Amino acid sequence: MSTSVDHLMERTQDASDLLADIVPSAITLATMLRHRQMAAWLRAEFDGYPDIDKAPPYRLDLPGHIVAKSPQYGWIPAPVNDSQTKEFGHLNLMEGVKELEHTCLSCKKGNGNRVLLDKEAMSDLQKQINLSAELAINLSREVYCRLLRTLRAALYLWAEQLMDAGISGDHNHYSPEERKLVSHLDTPEAFWRKAMQELDTVPVADVRELGFLERMFGRAG
């Protein structure tokens, strides 16, 4: 497993290289550089966030569409107004990268992932719209893709800054002088905030769509 900065940047641009495989290598690189904050952020992204207060904003209040389960037609748009959509039609994604990526890979373009409202919210909204059917939020595939691209972009921007500072090539370890040279780049929040702002221009890969056979039998390898 390569820990070179150059290779990390290349991997963020390769859609066939899953983020769930890239993040452990990035953690190793951050650890070698003594970038403790970066390593901690990457571990949280890989494992997921058990505490909503510690989750970054790109994971919170993500917009979706409220749907209701019809006994005749299956899941259909729920009869909600704009105010109800604003109150109930959003979701926090707290899962680890591997689970999020699996969800995104499993969705066809134009589709999404349906998540049931929690019991309290569902009961409240059912009363408001006078409906007893199950209610859920449908998050589009693009919402998941955008979150995952944000992570890729943050890694790309970090690697770019490391290379600009002269850290490149394969290393088994970094000298104290090299670590000191890039100590000011142990700022994950600065990189993910920049990634959020510049997401449409950072040259990272989007999440690819699995083919039919891959969805049926699993990803090759």
N, C-alpha and C. Protein backbone atom coordinates (compact mmCIF):
# COMPACT_ATOMS: atom_id res chain seq x y z
N MET A 1 0.85 -1.20 0.00
CA MET A 1 0.00 0.00 0.00
C MET A 1 0.88 1.25 0.00
N SER A 2 0.82 2.02 -1.06
CA SER A 2 1.66 3.20 -1.18
C SER A 2 1.16 4.32 -0.27
N THR A 3 2.13 5.00 0.33
CA THR A 3 1.78 6.16 1.16
C THR A 3 2.34 7.44 0.55
N SER A 4 2.66 7.40 -0.74
CA SER A 4 3.21 8.60 -1.36
C SER A 4 2.12 9.64 -1.57
N VAL A 5 2.49 10.88 -1.40
CA VAL A 5 1.55 11.99 -1.59
C VAL A 5 1.08 12.02 -3.05
N ASP A 6 2.02 11.78 -3.96
CA ASP A 6 1.69 11.78 -5.38
C ASP A 6 0.60 10.75 -5.69
N HIS A 7 0.78 9.55 -5.13
CA HIS A 7 -0.17 8.47 -5.40
C HIS A 7 -1.53 8.78 -4.78
N LEU A 8 -1.53 9.39 -3.60
CA LEU A 8 -2.79 9.77 -2.96
C LEU A 8 -3.57 10.73 -3.85
N MET A 9 -2.89 11.71 -4.39
CA MET A 9 -3.57 12.67 -5.27
C MET A 9 -4.12 11.97 -6.50
N GLU A 10 -3.34 11.05 -7.08
CA GLU A 10 -3.80 10.32 -8.26
C GLU A 10 -5.04 9.48 -7.94
N ARG A 11 -5.04 8.87 -6.76
CA ARG A 11 -6.15 7.98 -6.39
C ARG A 11 -7.46 8.75 -6.21
N THR A 12 -7.38 9.98 -5.75
CA THR A 12 -8.60 10.77 -5.58
C THR A 12 -9.25 11.09 -6.93
N GLN A 13 -8.48 10.97 -8.01
CA GLN A 13 -8.99 11.27 -9.34
C GLN A 13 -9.41 10.03 -10.12
N ASP A 14 -9.30 8.87 -9.49
CA ASP A 14 -9.60 7.60 -10.14
C ASP A 14 -10.89 7.02 -9.57
N ALA A 15 -11.95 7.01 -10.38
CA ALA A 15 -13.25 6.54 -9.91
C ALA A 15 -13.25 5.06 -9.56
N SER A 16 -12.31 4.29 -10.12
CA SER A 16 -12.26 2.86 -9.81
C SER A 16 -11.61 2.59 -8.45
N ASP A 17 -10.98 3.59 -7.88
CA ASP A 17 -10.34 3.46 -6.56
C ASP A 17 -11.33 3.98 -5.52
N LEU A 18 -11.91 3.09 -4.75
CA LEU A 18 -12.95 3.48 -3.80
C LEU A 18 -12.38 4.30 -2.65
N LEU A 19 -13.18 5.24 -2.19
CA LEU A 19 -12.77 6.09 -1.08
C LEU A 19 -12.52 5.26 0.18
N ALA A 20 -13.29 4.19 0.34
CA ALA A 20 -13.10 3.31 1.51
C ALA A 20 -11.72 2.66 1.51
N ASP A 21 -11.09 2.56 0.33
CA ASP A 21 -9.73 2.03 0.23
C ASP A 21 -8.68 3.13 0.32
N ILE A 22 -9.06 4.33 -0.10
CA ILE A 22 -8.12 5.46 -0.09
C ILE A 22 -7.89 5.99 1.32
N VAL A 23 -8.97 6.09 2.10
CA VAL A 23 -8.88 6.71 3.43
C VAL A 23 -7.86 6.03 4.34
N PRO A 24 -7.82 4.68 4.43
CA PRO A 24 -6.79 4.07 5.30
C PRO A 24 -5.37 4.46 4.90
N SER A 25 -5.09 4.58 3.60
CA SER A 25 -3.76 5.02 3.15
C SER A 25 -3.50 6.47 3.57
N ALA A 26 -4.54 7.29 3.48
CA ALA A 26 -4.39 8.69 3.90
C ALA A 26 -4.14 8.79 5.40
N ILE A 27 -4.77 7.92 6.17
CA ILE A 27 -4.54 7.90 7.62
C ILE A 27 -3.09 7.55 7.91
N THR A 28 -2.57 6.56 7.18
CA THR A 28 -1.17 6.17 7.35
C THR A 28 -0.24 7.33 7.03
N LEU A 29 -0.52 8.03 5.95
CA LEU A 29 0.30 9.18 5.57
C LEU A 29 0.23 10.27 6.63
N ALA A 30 -0.97 10.58 7.10
CA ALA A 30 -1.13 11.60 8.14
C ALA A 30 -0.37 11.22 9.40
N THR A 31 -0.42 9.94 9.76
CA THR A 31 0.29 9.47 10.96
C THR A 31 1.80 9.62 10.79
N MET A 32 2.31 9.28 9.61
CA MET A 32 3.74 9.41 9.34
C MET A 32 4.21 10.86 9.39
N LEU A 33 3.31 11.77 9.01
CA LEU A 33 3.64 13.20 9.02
C LEU A 33 3.36 13.86 10.37
N ARG A 34 2.86 13.06 11.31
CA ARG A 34 2.44 13.57 12.64
C ARG A 34 1.31 14.59 12.52
N HIS A 35 0.46 14.40 11.52
CA HIS A 35 -0.73 15.23 11.36
C HIS A 35 -1.86 14.59 12.15
N ARG A 36 -1.86 14.84 13.44
CA ARG A 36 -2.79 14.15 14.34
C ARG A 36 -4.25 14.56 14.10
N GLN A 37 -4.48 15.83 13.84
CA GLN A 37 -5.85 16.28 13.59
C GLN A 37 -6.39 15.70 12.28
N MET A 38 -5.55 15.65 11.27
CA MET A 38 -5.97 15.08 10.00
C MET A 38 -6.28 13.59 10.16
N ALA A 39 -5.43 12.87 10.87
CA ALA A 39 -5.65 11.45 11.09
C ALA A 39 -6.94 11.21 11.88
N ALA A 40 -7.19 12.04 12.87
CA ALA A 40 -8.41 11.89 13.68
C ALA A 40 -9.66 12.14 12.85
N TRP A 41 -9.62 13.16 12.01
CA TRP A 41 -10.76 13.45 11.13
C TRP A 41 -11.01 12.30 10.16
N LEU A 42 -9.94 11.78 9.58
CA LEU A 42 -10.09 10.68 8.63
C LEU A 42 -10.63 9.41 9.30
N ARG A 43 -10.19 9.15 10.52
CA ARG A 43 -10.72 7.99 11.24
C ARG A 43 -12.21 8.16 11.52
N ALA A 44 -12.61 9.38 11.88
CA ALA A 44 -14.03 9.65 12.13
C ALA A 44 -14.84 9.46 10.85
N GLU A 45 -14.30 9.90 9.73
CA GLU A 45 -14.99 9.72 8.46
C GLU A 45 -15.09 8.24 8.10
N PHE A 46 -14.05 7.50 8.38
CA PHE A 46 -14.05 6.07 8.05
C PHE A 46 -15.01 5.29 8.94
N ASP A 47 -15.04 5.62 10.23
CA ASP A 47 -15.85 4.88 11.20
C ASP A 47 -17.28 5.39 11.29
N GLY A 48 -17.48 6.68 10.97
CA GLY A 48 -18.79 7.30 11.17
C GLY A 48 -18.79 8.13 12.45
N TYR A 49 -19.82 8.96 12.59
CA TYR A 49 -19.92 9.88 13.72
C TYR A 49 -21.05 9.45 14.66
N PRO A 50 -20.72 8.94 15.85
CA PRO A 50 -21.77 8.58 16.81
C PRO A 50 -22.42 9.80 17.45
N ASP A 51 -21.72 10.94 17.42
CA ASP A 51 -22.20 12.16 18.07
C ASP A 51 -22.45 13.23 17.00
N ILE A 52 -23.69 13.64 16.87
CA ILE A 52 -24.05 14.61 15.83
C ILE A 52 -23.32 15.94 16.03
N ASP A 53 -23.00 16.29 17.27
CA ASP A 53 -22.33 17.55 17.55
C ASP A 53 -20.91 17.60 16.97
N LYS A 54 -20.35 16.43 16.68
CA LYS A 54 -18.99 16.39 16.15
C LYS A 54 -18.97 16.19 14.63
N ALA A 55 -20.13 16.02 14.04
CA ALA A 55 -20.19 15.80 12.59
C ALA A 55 -20.03 17.11 11.84
N PRO A 56 -19.26 17.13 10.77
CA PRO A 56 -19.09 18.37 9.98
C PRO A 56 -20.35 18.71 9.20
N PRO A 57 -20.48 19.97 8.78
CA PRO A 57 -21.73 20.44 8.17
C PRO A 57 -22.09 19.76 6.85
N TYR A 58 -21.10 19.22 6.13
CA TYR A 58 -21.43 18.57 4.86
C TYR A 58 -22.17 17.25 5.06
N ARG A 59 -22.31 16.82 6.31
CA ARG A 59 -23.06 15.60 6.63
C ARG A 59 -24.44 15.90 7.24
N LEU A 60 -24.74 17.16 7.48
CA LEU A 60 -25.93 17.52 8.25
C LEU A 60 -27.00 18.19 7.40
N ASP A 61 -28.26 17.96 7.80
CA ASP A 61 -29.42 18.63 7.18
C ASP A 61 -29.41 18.52 5.66
N LEU A 62 -29.16 17.33 5.16
CA LEU A 62 -29.11 17.11 3.72
C LEU A 62 -30.53 16.97 3.18
N PRO A 63 -30.86 17.69 2.12
CA PRO A 63 -32.26 17.77 1.67
C PRO A 63 -32.71 16.52 0.92
N GLY A 64 -33.98 16.15 1.18
CA GLY A 64 -34.57 15.01 0.48
C GLY A 64 -36.05 15.27 0.21
N HIS A 65 -36.73 14.26 -0.28
CA HIS A 65 -38.16 14.34 -0.58
C HIS A 65 -38.91 13.37 0.33
N ILE A 66 -40.01 13.82 0.87
CA ILE A 66 -40.81 12.96 1.75
C ILE A 66 -41.75 12.10 0.90
N VAL A 67 -41.72 10.82 1.17
CA VAL A 67 -42.57 9.88 0.42
C VAL A 67 -43.42 9.08 1.40
N ALA A 68 -44.54 8.58 0.91
CA ALA A 68 -45.47 7.79 1.71
C ALA A 68 -45.68 6.43 1.04
N LYS A 69 -45.89 5.40 1.85
CA LYS A 69 -46.07 4.05 1.31
C LYS A 69 -47.54 3.76 1.06
N SER A 70 -47.88 3.64 -0.21
CA SER A 70 -49.25 3.33 -0.60
C SER A 70 -49.41 1.82 -0.74
N PRO A 71 -50.49 1.24 -0.20
CA PRO A 71 -50.70 -0.21 -0.36
C PRO A 71 -50.91 -0.62 -1.82
N GLN A 72 -51.31 0.33 -2.66
CA GLN A 72 -51.56 0.02 -4.06
C GLN A 72 -50.38 0.32 -4.98
N TYR A 73 -49.70 1.45 -4.71
CA TYR A 73 -48.69 1.93 -5.66
C TYR A 73 -47.27 1.93 -5.09
N GLY A 74 -47.09 1.46 -3.87
CA GLY A 74 -45.76 1.50 -3.28
C GLY A 74 -45.43 2.90 -2.78
N TRP A 75 -44.16 3.28 -2.89
CA TRP A 75 -43.73 4.58 -2.38
C TRP A 75 -44.05 5.68 -3.40
N ILE A 76 -44.79 6.69 -2.92
CA ILE A 76 -45.21 7.81 -3.77
C ILE A 76 -44.94 9.11 -3.02
N PRO A 77 -44.87 10.25 -3.72
CA PRO A 77 -44.69 11.54 -3.03
C PRO A 77 -45.77 11.76 -1.97
N ALA A 78 -45.36 12.18 -0.80
CA ALA A 78 -46.31 12.44 0.28
C ALA A 78 -46.98 13.80 0.07
N PRO A 79 -48.24 13.94 0.50
CA PRO A 79 -48.97 15.22 0.33
C PRO A 79 -48.55 16.25 1.39
N VAL A 80 -47.35 16.77 1.23
CA VAL A 80 -46.82 17.73 2.20
C VAL A 80 -46.63 19.08 1.54
N ASN A 81 -46.69 20.14 2.35
CA ASN A 81 -46.46 21.48 1.82
C ASN A 81 -44.99 21.87 2.01
N ASP A 82 -44.63 23.05 1.54
CA ASP A 82 -43.24 23.50 1.61
C ASP A 82 -42.74 23.60 3.04
N SER A 83 -43.61 24.06 3.94
CA SER A 83 -43.22 24.20 5.34
C SER A 83 -42.92 22.84 5.96
N GLN A 84 -43.73 21.85 5.66
CA GLN A 84 -43.51 20.50 6.20
C GLN A 84 -42.26 19.86 5.59
N THR A 85 -42.04 20.12 4.32
CA THR A 85 -40.81 19.61 3.68
C THR A 85 -39.59 20.22 4.35
N LYS A 86 -39.67 21.51 4.63
CA LYS A 86 -38.55 22.19 5.27
C LYS A 86 -38.30 21.64 6.68
N GLU A 87 -39.36 21.31 7.39
CA GLU A 87 -39.22 20.81 8.77
C GLU A 87 -38.78 19.36 8.83
N PHE A 88 -39.33 18.52 7.95
CA PHE A 88 -39.09 17.08 8.06
C PHE A 88 -38.23 16.48 6.94
N GLY A 89 -38.10 17.20 5.83
CA GLY A 89 -37.46 16.62 4.66
C GLY A 89 -35.96 16.78 4.59
N HIS A 90 -35.27 16.49 5.66
CA HIS A 90 -33.81 16.56 5.66
C HIS A 90 -33.27 15.47 6.58
N LEU A 91 -32.02 15.11 6.37
CA LEU A 91 -31.44 13.97 7.08
C LEU A 91 -29.97 14.22 7.35
N ASN A 92 -29.48 13.70 8.46
CA ASN A 92 -28.06 13.70 8.77
C ASN A 92 -27.49 12.34 8.39
N LEU A 93 -26.38 12.34 7.67
CA LEU A 93 -25.72 11.09 7.29
C LEU A 93 -24.50 10.88 8.18
N MET A 94 -24.63 9.98 9.13
CA MET A 94 -23.59 9.79 10.15
C MET A 94 -22.75 8.53 9.92
N GLU A 95 -23.11 7.74 8.90
CA GLU A 95 -22.45 6.47 8.67
C GLU A 95 -21.01 6.67 8.19
N GLY A 96 -20.21 5.62 8.32
CA GLY A 96 -18.84 5.64 7.83
C GLY A 96 -18.77 5.66 6.32
N VAL A 97 -17.62 5.99 5.80
CA VAL A 97 -17.42 6.14 4.36
C VAL A 97 -17.81 4.88 3.58
N LYS A 98 -17.44 3.72 4.10
CA LYS A 98 -17.70 2.48 3.36
C LYS A 98 -19.19 2.26 3.16
N GLU A 99 -19.97 2.51 4.20
CA GLU A 99 -21.42 2.32 4.10
C GLU A 99 -22.04 3.35 3.16
N LEU A 100 -21.61 4.61 3.27
CA LEU A 100 -22.13 5.65 2.38
C LEU A 100 -21.80 5.34 0.92
N GLU A 101 -20.57 4.89 0.70
CA GLU A 101 -20.14 4.60 -0.66
C GLU A 101 -20.90 3.40 -1.23
N HIS A 102 -21.16 2.41 -0.39
CA HIS A 102 -21.93 1.25 -0.83
C HIS A 102 -23.34 1.67 -1.24
N THR A 103 -23.95 2.55 -0.44
CA THR A 103 -25.29 3.05 -0.78
C THR A 103 -25.28 3.76 -2.11
N CYS A 104 -24.28 4.60 -2.32
CA CYS A 104 -24.19 5.38 -3.55
C CYS A 104 -23.92 4.48 -4.75
N LEU A 105 -23.03 3.51 -4.59
CA LEU A 105 -22.70 2.59 -5.67
C LEU A 105 -23.91 1.76 -6.08
N SER A 106 -24.74 1.44 -5.11
CA SER A 106 -25.88 0.57 -5.36
C SER A 106 -27.04 1.29 -6.03
N CYS A 107 -27.01 2.62 -6.00
CA CYS A 107 -28.09 3.42 -6.62
C CYS A 107 -27.78 3.69 -8.08
N LYS A 108 -28.79 3.59 -8.92
CA LYS A 108 -28.65 4.03 -10.30
C LYS A 108 -28.73 5.56 -10.34
N LYS A 109 -28.12 6.14 -11.36
CA LYS A 109 -28.23 7.59 -11.53
C LYS A 109 -29.69 7.97 -11.69
N GLY A 110 -30.09 9.01 -10.98
CA GLY A 110 -31.48 9.45 -11.02
C GLY A 110 -32.31 8.85 -9.91
N ASN A 111 -31.77 7.83 -9.22
CA ASN A 111 -32.48 7.22 -8.09
C ASN A 111 -31.90 7.73 -6.78
N GLY A 112 -32.34 7.12 -5.69
CA GLY A 112 -31.86 7.55 -4.39
C GLY A 112 -32.01 6.45 -3.35
N ASN A 113 -31.87 6.83 -2.11
CA ASN A 113 -31.97 5.90 -0.99
C ASN A 113 -33.06 6.37 -0.04
N ARG A 114 -33.93 5.47 0.34
CA ARG A 114 -35.07 5.80 1.18
C ARG A 114 -34.78 5.44 2.63
N VAL A 115 -35.03 6.40 3.52
CA VAL A 115 -34.80 6.20 4.96
C VAL A 115 -36.07 6.57 5.71
N LEU A 116 -36.59 5.64 6.49
CA LEU A 116 -37.80 5.91 7.26
C LEU A 116 -37.59 7.06 8.23
N LEU A 117 -38.62 7.90 8.39
CA LEU A 117 -38.58 8.91 9.43
C LEU A 117 -38.55 8.22 10.79
N ASP A 118 -37.90 8.87 11.75
CA ASP A 118 -37.93 8.27 13.09
C ASP A 118 -39.36 8.33 13.64
N LYS A 119 -39.63 7.51 14.64
CA LYS A 119 -40.99 7.31 15.11
C LYS A 119 -41.68 8.62 15.52
N GLU A 120 -40.97 9.46 16.24
CA GLU A 120 -41.57 10.71 16.73
C GLU A 120 -41.91 11.64 15.58
N ALA A 121 -40.96 11.80 14.65
CA ALA A 121 -41.20 12.68 13.50
C ALA A 121 -42.30 12.12 12.61
N MET A 122 -42.31 10.80 12.43
CA MET A 122 -43.33 10.19 11.58
C MET A 122 -44.72 10.38 12.18
N SER A 123 -44.84 10.17 13.49
CA SER A 123 -46.13 10.34 14.15
C SER A 123 -46.62 11.78 14.04
N ASP A 124 -45.70 12.71 14.24
CA ASP A 124 -46.05 14.14 14.17
C ASP A 124 -46.54 14.50 12.77
N LEU A 125 -45.80 14.08 11.75
CA LEU A 125 -46.16 14.44 10.38
C LEU A 125 -47.43 13.70 9.93
N GLN A 126 -47.61 12.47 10.35
CA GLN A 126 -48.83 11.73 10.01
C GLN A 126 -50.07 12.47 10.51
N LYS A 127 -49.97 13.03 11.71
CA LYS A 127 -51.09 13.79 12.27
C LYS A 127 -51.33 15.06 11.46
N GLN A 128 -50.24 15.72 11.07
CA GLN A 128 -50.38 16.97 10.33
C GLN A 128 -51.05 16.77 8.97
N ILE A 129 -50.74 15.66 8.31
CA ILE A 129 -51.28 15.45 6.95
C ILE A 129 -52.43 14.44 6.95
N ASN A 130 -52.83 14.02 8.15
CA ASN A 130 -53.96 13.10 8.31
C ASN A 130 -53.77 11.84 7.45
N LEU A 131 -52.63 11.19 7.68
CA LEU A 131 -52.26 10.01 6.91
C LEU A 131 -51.64 8.98 7.84
N SER A 132 -52.06 7.73 7.72
CA SER A 132 -51.52 6.68 8.60
C SER A 132 -50.40 5.88 7.95
N ALA A 133 -50.12 6.15 6.69
CA ALA A 133 -49.10 5.39 5.96
C ALA A 133 -47.70 5.67 6.50
N GLU A 134 -46.79 4.71 6.28
CA GLU A 134 -45.38 4.92 6.63
C GLU A 134 -44.83 6.09 5.81
N LEU A 135 -43.95 6.86 6.44
CA LEU A 135 -43.33 8.01 5.77
C LEU A 135 -41.82 7.86 5.80
N ALA A 136 -41.20 8.31 4.75
CA ALA A 136 -39.74 8.21 4.66
C ALA A 136 -39.18 9.42 3.92
N ILE A 137 -37.88 9.59 4.03
CA ILE A 137 -37.16 10.61 3.27
C ILE A 137 -36.38 9.91 2.17
N ASN A 138 -36.54 10.37 0.96
CA ASN A 138 -35.77 9.84 -0.16
C ASN A 138 -34.63 10.80 -0.47
N LEU A 139 -33.40 10.36 -0.23
CA LEU A 139 -32.23 11.17 -0.55
C LEU A 139 -31.70 10.74 -1.91
N SER A 140 -31.48 11.69 -2.79
CA SER A 140 -31.02 11.36 -4.13
C SER A 140 -29.58 10.83 -4.09
N ARG A 141 -29.24 10.09 -5.12
CA ARG A 141 -27.87 9.58 -5.26
C ARG A 141 -26.87 10.73 -5.27
N GLU A 142 -27.26 11.86 -5.87
CA GLU A 142 -26.36 13.00 -5.97
C GLU A 142 -25.99 13.56 -4.59
N VAL A 143 -26.91 13.47 -3.62
CA VAL A 143 -26.60 13.94 -2.26
C VAL A 143 -25.45 13.11 -1.68
N TYR A 144 -25.54 11.79 -1.85
CA TYR A 144 -24.47 10.91 -1.37
C TYR A 144 -23.17 11.16 -2.14
N CYS A 145 -23.28 11.29 -3.46
CA CYS A 145 -22.10 11.53 -4.28
C CYS A 145 -21.40 12.82 -3.89
N ARG A 146 -22.18 13.85 -3.63
CA ARG A 146 -21.59 15.15 -3.29
C ARG A 146 -20.82 15.07 -1.97
N LEU A 147 -21.38 14.36 -1.00
CA LEU A 147 -20.68 14.18 0.28
C LEU A 147 -19.36 13.46 0.05
N LEU A 148 -19.37 12.38 -0.71
CA LEU A 148 -18.16 11.60 -0.95
C LEU A 148 -17.16 12.38 -1.78
N ARG A 149 -17.63 13.17 -2.73
CA ARG A 149 -16.71 14.01 -3.51
C ARG A 149 -16.06 15.07 -2.63
N THR A 150 -16.79 15.56 -1.64
CA THR A 150 -16.23 16.54 -0.71
C THR A 150 -15.02 15.95 0.02
N LEU A 151 -15.14 14.69 0.44
CA LEU A 151 -14.02 14.03 1.12
C LEU A 151 -12.84 13.85 0.17
N ARG A 152 -13.14 13.39 -1.05
CA ARG A 152 -12.06 13.24 -2.04
C ARG A 152 -11.37 14.58 -2.31
N ALA A 153 -12.18 15.63 -2.44
CA ALA A 153 -11.63 16.94 -2.73
C ALA A 153 -10.75 17.45 -1.58
N ALA A 154 -11.17 17.20 -0.35
CA ALA A 154 -10.36 17.62 0.80
C ALA A 154 -9.02 16.91 0.81
N LEU A 155 -9.02 15.61 0.49
CA LEU A 155 -7.77 14.85 0.41
C LEU A 155 -6.89 15.36 -0.73
N TYR A 156 -7.52 15.64 -1.86
CA TYR A 156 -6.77 16.17 -3.01
C TYR A 156 -6.09 17.50 -2.63
N LEU A 157 -6.83 18.40 -2.01
CA LEU A 157 -6.30 19.71 -1.65
C LEU A 157 -5.17 19.60 -0.62
N TRP A 158 -5.32 18.67 0.32
CA TRP A 158 -4.27 18.42 1.31
C TRP A 158 -3.01 17.90 0.61
N ALA A 159 -3.18 16.91 -0.26
CA ALA A 159 -2.03 16.34 -0.98
C ALA A 159 -1.36 17.41 -1.85
N GLU A 160 -2.18 18.24 -2.47
CA GLU A 160 -1.64 19.31 -3.32
C GLU A 160 -0.75 20.25 -2.52
N GLN A 161 -1.21 20.62 -1.33
CA GLN A 161 -0.42 21.52 -0.48
C GLN A 161 0.86 20.84 0.02
N LEU A 162 0.77 19.56 0.33
CA LEU A 162 1.96 18.81 0.76
C LEU A 162 3.00 18.79 -0.36
N MET A 163 2.55 18.56 -1.59
CA MET A 163 3.48 18.53 -2.72
C MET A 163 4.08 19.91 -2.97
N ASP A 164 3.27 20.94 -2.84
CA ASP A 164 3.77 22.31 -3.02
C ASP A 164 4.85 22.64 -1.99
N ALA A 165 4.76 21.98 -0.82
CA ALA A 165 5.75 22.22 0.23
C ALA A 165 6.99 21.35 0.06
N GLY A 166 6.98 20.49 -0.96
CA GLY A 166 8.16 19.68 -1.24
C GLY A 166 8.09 18.25 -0.76
N ILE A 167 6.91 17.81 -0.30
CA ILE A 167 6.76 16.42 0.15
C ILE A 167 6.19 15.60 -1.00
N SER A 168 7.02 14.74 -1.58
CA SER A 168 6.56 13.90 -2.68
C SER A 168 7.41 12.64 -2.73
N GLY A 169 6.99 11.69 -3.55
CA GLY A 169 7.71 10.43 -3.66
C GLY A 169 7.37 9.46 -2.54
N ASP A 170 7.80 8.19 -2.69
CA ASP A 170 7.53 7.16 -1.68
C ASP A 170 8.45 7.34 -0.49
N HIS A 171 7.88 7.16 0.71
CA HIS A 171 8.64 7.28 1.95
C HIS A 171 8.25 6.16 2.90
N ASN A 172 9.24 5.63 3.61
CA ASN A 172 8.95 4.74 4.74
C ASN A 172 8.80 5.52 6.02
N HIS A 173 9.40 6.70 6.05
CA HIS A 173 9.25 7.61 7.18
C HIS A 173 9.63 9.01 6.70
N TYR A 174 9.30 10.01 7.53
CA TYR A 174 9.64 11.40 7.23
C TYR A 174 10.53 11.93 8.35
N SER A 175 11.50 12.69 7.96
CA SER A 175 12.44 13.25 8.94
C SER A 175 11.77 14.35 9.75
N PRO A 176 12.30 14.68 10.92
CA PRO A 176 11.74 15.80 11.71
C PRO A 176 11.70 17.09 10.90
N GLU A 177 12.69 17.30 10.04
CA GLU A 177 12.72 18.51 9.23
C GLU A 177 11.56 18.52 8.23
N GLU A 178 11.31 17.37 7.61
CA GLU A 178 10.21 17.28 6.64
C GLU A 178 8.86 17.46 7.34
N ARG A 179 8.71 16.85 8.50
CA ARG A 179 7.45 16.98 9.25
C ARG A 179 7.22 18.43 9.67
N LYS A 180 8.28 19.10 10.07
CA LYS A 180 8.16 20.50 10.49
C LYS A 180 7.77 21.38 9.30
N LEU A 181 8.26 21.02 8.13
CA LEU A 181 7.99 21.79 6.92
C LEU A 181 6.50 21.86 6.59
N VAL A 182 5.76 20.81 6.99
CA VAL A 182 4.33 20.76 6.65
C VAL A 182 3.44 20.70 7.89
N SER A 183 3.99 21.03 9.04
CA SER A 183 3.21 20.95 10.28
C SER A 183 2.00 21.89 10.25
N HIS A 184 2.12 23.00 9.52
CA HIS A 184 1.01 23.97 9.45
C HIS A 184 -0.16 23.47 8.60
N LEU A 185 0.03 22.33 7.93
CA LEU A 185 -1.03 21.78 7.07
C LEU A 185 -1.88 20.73 7.79
N ASP A 186 -1.68 20.59 9.08
CA ASP A 186 -2.50 19.65 9.86
C ASP A 186 -3.80 20.35 10.26
N THR A 187 -4.57 20.72 9.23
CA THR A 187 -5.79 21.52 9.44
C THR A 187 -6.93 20.95 8.61
N PRO A 188 -7.49 19.82 9.01
CA PRO A 188 -8.53 19.19 8.18
C PRO A 188 -9.73 20.09 7.91
N GLU A 189 -10.14 20.88 8.90
CA GLU A 189 -11.31 21.74 8.68
C GLU A 189 -11.07 22.73 7.57
N ALA A 190 -9.87 23.28 7.49
CA ALA A 190 -9.56 24.23 6.42
C ALA A 190 -9.70 23.56 5.06
N PHE A 191 -9.28 22.30 4.96
CA PHE A 191 -9.34 21.60 3.67
C PHE A 191 -10.76 21.19 3.31
N TRP A 192 -11.55 20.68 4.30
CA TRP A 192 -12.91 20.29 3.92
C TRP A 192 -13.80 21.51 3.68
N ARG A 193 -13.52 22.61 4.35
CA ARG A 193 -14.30 23.82 4.05
C ARG A 193 -13.98 24.34 2.65
N LYS A 194 -12.71 24.30 2.29
CA LYS A 194 -12.33 24.72 0.94
C LYS A 194 -12.92 23.77 -0.10
N ALA A 195 -12.95 22.48 0.24
CA ALA A 195 -13.54 21.49 -0.67
C ALA A 195 -15.02 21.76 -0.88
N MET A 196 -15.73 22.14 0.18
CA MET A 196 -17.15 22.47 0.05
C MET A 196 -17.35 23.66 -0.88
N GLN A 197 -16.49 24.66 -0.76
CA GLN A 197 -16.62 25.89 -1.54
C GLN A 197 -16.25 25.69 -3.01
N GLU A 198 -15.27 24.80 -3.26
CA GLU A 198 -14.71 24.67 -4.60
C GLU A 198 -15.00 23.30 -5.22
N LEU A 199 -16.02 22.62 -4.71
CA LEU A 199 -16.26 21.23 -5.09
C LEU A 199 -16.43 21.04 -6.59
N ASP A 200 -17.05 21.99 -7.26
CA ASP A 200 -17.32 21.83 -8.69
C ASP A 200 -16.08 22.08 -9.56
N THR A 201 -15.00 22.56 -8.95
CA THR A 201 -13.80 22.84 -9.74
C THR A 201 -12.60 21.97 -9.36
N VAL A 202 -12.65 21.30 -8.20
CA VAL A 202 -11.54 20.42 -7.81
C VAL A 202 -11.61 19.16 -8.67
N PRO A 203 -10.50 18.77 -9.31
CA PRO A 203 -10.54 17.66 -10.29
C PRO A 203 -10.49 16.27 -9.65
N VAL A 204 -11.55 15.92 -8.91
CA VAL A 204 -11.61 14.59 -8.31
C VAL A 204 -12.71 13.77 -8.97
N ALA A 205 -12.62 12.45 -8.80
CA ALA A 205 -13.58 11.55 -9.44
C ALA A 205 -14.91 11.56 -8.71
N ASP A 206 -15.97 11.37 -9.49
CA ASP A 206 -17.29 11.15 -8.93
C ASP A 206 -17.43 9.66 -8.62
N VAL A 207 -18.48 9.31 -7.90
CA VAL A 207 -18.73 7.90 -7.60
C VAL A 207 -19.33 7.25 -8.85
N ARG A 208 -18.70 6.21 -9.30
CA ARG A 208 -19.21 5.56 -10.51
C ARG A 208 -20.47 4.75 -10.20
N GLU A 209 -21.20 4.41 -11.23
CA GLU A 209 -22.38 3.58 -11.08
C GLU A 209 -22.02 2.13 -11.38
N LEU A 210 -22.39 1.22 -10.49
CA LEU A 210 -22.11 -0.18 -10.72
C LEU A 210 -22.92 -0.71 -11.90
N GLY A 211 -22.33 -1.62 -12.66
CA GLY A 211 -23.05 -2.29 -13.73
C GLY A 211 -24.01 -3.32 -13.16
N PHE A 212 -24.85 -3.85 -14.03
CA PHE A 212 -25.87 -4.82 -13.60
C PHE A 212 -25.25 -6.03 -12.91
N LEU A 213 -24.22 -6.62 -13.51
CA LEU A 213 -23.61 -7.82 -12.93
C LEU A 213 -22.93 -7.52 -11.60
N GLU A 214 -22.33 -6.33 -11.49
CA GLU A 214 -21.70 -5.94 -10.22
C GLU A 214 -22.74 -5.81 -9.12
N ARG A 215 -23.91 -5.24 -9.46
CA ARG A 215 -24.96 -5.10 -8.46
C ARG A 215 -25.51 -6.47 -8.06
N MET A 216 -25.56 -7.40 -9.02
CA MET A 216 -26.10 -8.72 -8.74
C MET A 216 -25.13 -9.58 -7.94
N PHE A 217 -23.85 -9.52 -8.29
CA PHE A 217 -22.88 -10.47 -7.72
C PHE A 217 -21.79 -9.81 -6.90
N GLY A 218 -21.82 -8.49 -6.78
CA GLY A 218 -20.81 -7.81 -5.99
C GLY A 218 -19.70 -7.29 -6.86
N ARG A 219 -18.98 -6.28 -6.35
CA ARG A 219 -17.88 -5.67 -7.11
C ARG A 219 -16.75 -6.67 -7.30
N ALA A 220 -16.23 -6.71 -8.49
CA ALA A 220 -15.10 -7.61 -8.76
C ALA A 220 -13.94 -7.29 -7.86
N GLY A 221 -13.31 -8.32 -7.29
CA GLY A 221 -12.17 -8.12 -6.39
C GLY A 221 -12.59 -7.84 -5.00
